[in-house]
């Protein structure tokens, strides 16, 4: 093990610093809320169901417990604003 590795710094090569080889480099980022907002932004009927019966409208969606809790805690007015402001690709 080099001194750079022991100190947590990148290994220097002729092309610059190289990150250590720890982990796979990929993150498991939850995307369920984004999918819900995208669906609500493109489907007015789903958006209305989401506001009126949040838990019922989300039964068919694959969401983590934390995503369900987050969506359940958002006030209706805030959720409506999130849906109105959702513009994928911008």
Protein backbone atom coordinates (compact mmCIF):
# COMPACT_ATOMS: atom_id res chain seq x y z
CA UNK A 1 0.00 0.00 0.00
CA UNK A 2 1.39 3.39 -0.96
CA UNK A 3 1.73 6.37 1.35
CA UNK A 4 -1.01 8.18 -0.65
CA UNK A 5 -3.43 5.28 -0.02
CA UNK A 6 -2.64 5.26 3.68
CA UNK A 7 -3.35 8.98 3.89
CA UNK A 8 -6.61 8.74 1.90
CA UNK A 9 -5.29 10.79 -1.01
CA UNK A 10 -5.58 9.80 -4.67
CA UNK A 11 -2.68 7.90 -6.22
CA UNK A 12 -0.76 10.11 -8.68
CA UNK A 13 -0.15 8.80 -12.20
CA UNK A 14 1.05 10.33 -15.44
CA UNK A 15 -2.57 11.32 -16.21
CA UNK A 16 -3.29 12.85 -12.80
CA UNK A 17 -4.89 11.70 -9.57
CA UNK A 18 -6.70 8.40 -9.59
CA UNK A 19 -9.40 7.62 -7.00
CA UNK A 20 -8.82 4.70 -4.69
CA UNK A 21 -10.38 1.40 -5.73
CA UNK A 22 -12.88 1.34 -2.83
CA UNK A 23 -16.46 0.30 -3.58
CA UNK A 24 -18.19 -0.12 -6.89
CA UNK A 25 -18.57 3.59 -7.56
CA UNK A 26 -22.34 3.41 -7.95
CA UNK A 27 -24.93 4.89 -5.61
CA UNK A 28 -28.36 3.50 -4.91
CA UNK A 29 -30.38 6.69 -5.17
CA UNK A 30 -34.13 6.43 -4.60
CA UNK A 31 -36.11 7.74 -7.57
CA UNK A 32 -39.67 6.87 -6.53
CA UNK A 33 -40.73 10.41 -5.63
CA UNK A 34 -39.45 11.68 -8.96
CA UNK A 35 -41.47 8.98 -10.76
CA UNK A 36 -44.61 9.93 -8.80
CA UNK A 37 -44.16 13.62 -9.67
CA UNK A 38 -43.52 12.80 -13.33
CA UNK A 39 -46.67 10.68 -13.51
CA UNK A 40 -48.74 13.37 -11.75
CA UNK A 41 -47.37 16.09 -14.05
CA UNK A 42 -48.37 14.20 -17.18
CA UNK A 43 -51.66 12.69 -15.91
CA UNK A 44 -54.18 15.11 -14.37
CA UNK A 45 -56.42 12.28 -13.12
CA UNK A 46 -53.51 10.68 -11.26
CA UNK A 47 -52.56 14.07 -9.81
CA UNK A 48 -56.11 14.54 -8.46
CA UNK A 49 -56.11 11.01 -6.96
CA UNK A 50 -52.71 11.68 -5.43
CA UNK A 51 -53.99 14.80 -3.67
CA UNK A 52 -57.31 13.25 -2.61
CA UNK A 53 -56.11 9.74 -1.61
CA UNK A 54 -52.36 9.77 -1.35
CA UNK A 55 -51.82 6.27 0.04
CA UNK A 56 -54.40 4.66 -2.26
CA UNK A 57 -53.00 6.28 -5.39
CA UNK A 58 -49.47 5.11 -4.54
CA UNK A 59 -50.30 1.43 -3.92
CA UNK A 60 -49.27 0.39 -7.43
CA UNK A 61 -45.98 2.29 -7.33
CA UNK A 62 -42.77 0.72 -6.04
CA UNK A 63 -41.77 3.15 -3.28
CA UNK A 64 -39.52 2.68 -0.29
CA UNK A 65 -40.91 3.20 3.20
CA UNK A 66 -39.02 6.48 3.46
CA UNK A 67 -40.43 7.72 0.15
CA UNK A 68 -43.97 6.83 1.27
CA UNK A 69 -43.39 8.64 4.57
CA UNK A 70 -42.01 11.71 2.80
CA UNK A 71 -44.93 11.88 0.37
CA UNK A 72 -47.38 11.33 3.23
CA UNK A 73 -45.90 14.22 5.21
CA UNK A 74 -46.03 16.81 2.41
CA UNK A 75 -49.00 19.18 2.71
CA UNK A 76 -51.43 19.12 -0.23
CA UNK A 77 -50.52 22.67 -1.26
CA UNK A 78 -46.81 21.82 -1.34
CA UNK A 79 -47.44 18.64 -3.34
CA UNK A 80 -49.57 20.58 -5.83
CA UNK A 81 -46.72 23.10 -6.23
CA UNK A 82 -44.19 20.28 -6.72
CA UNK A 83 -46.37 18.74 -9.43
CA UNK A 84 -46.92 22.09 -11.15
CA UNK A 85 -43.20 22.84 -11.07
CA UNK A 86 -42.05 19.43 -12.30
CA UNK A 87 -40.47 19.72 -15.72
CA UNK A 88 -38.22 16.73 -16.47
CA UNK A 89 -35.21 17.50 -18.59
CA UNK A 90 -34.91 21.15 -17.60
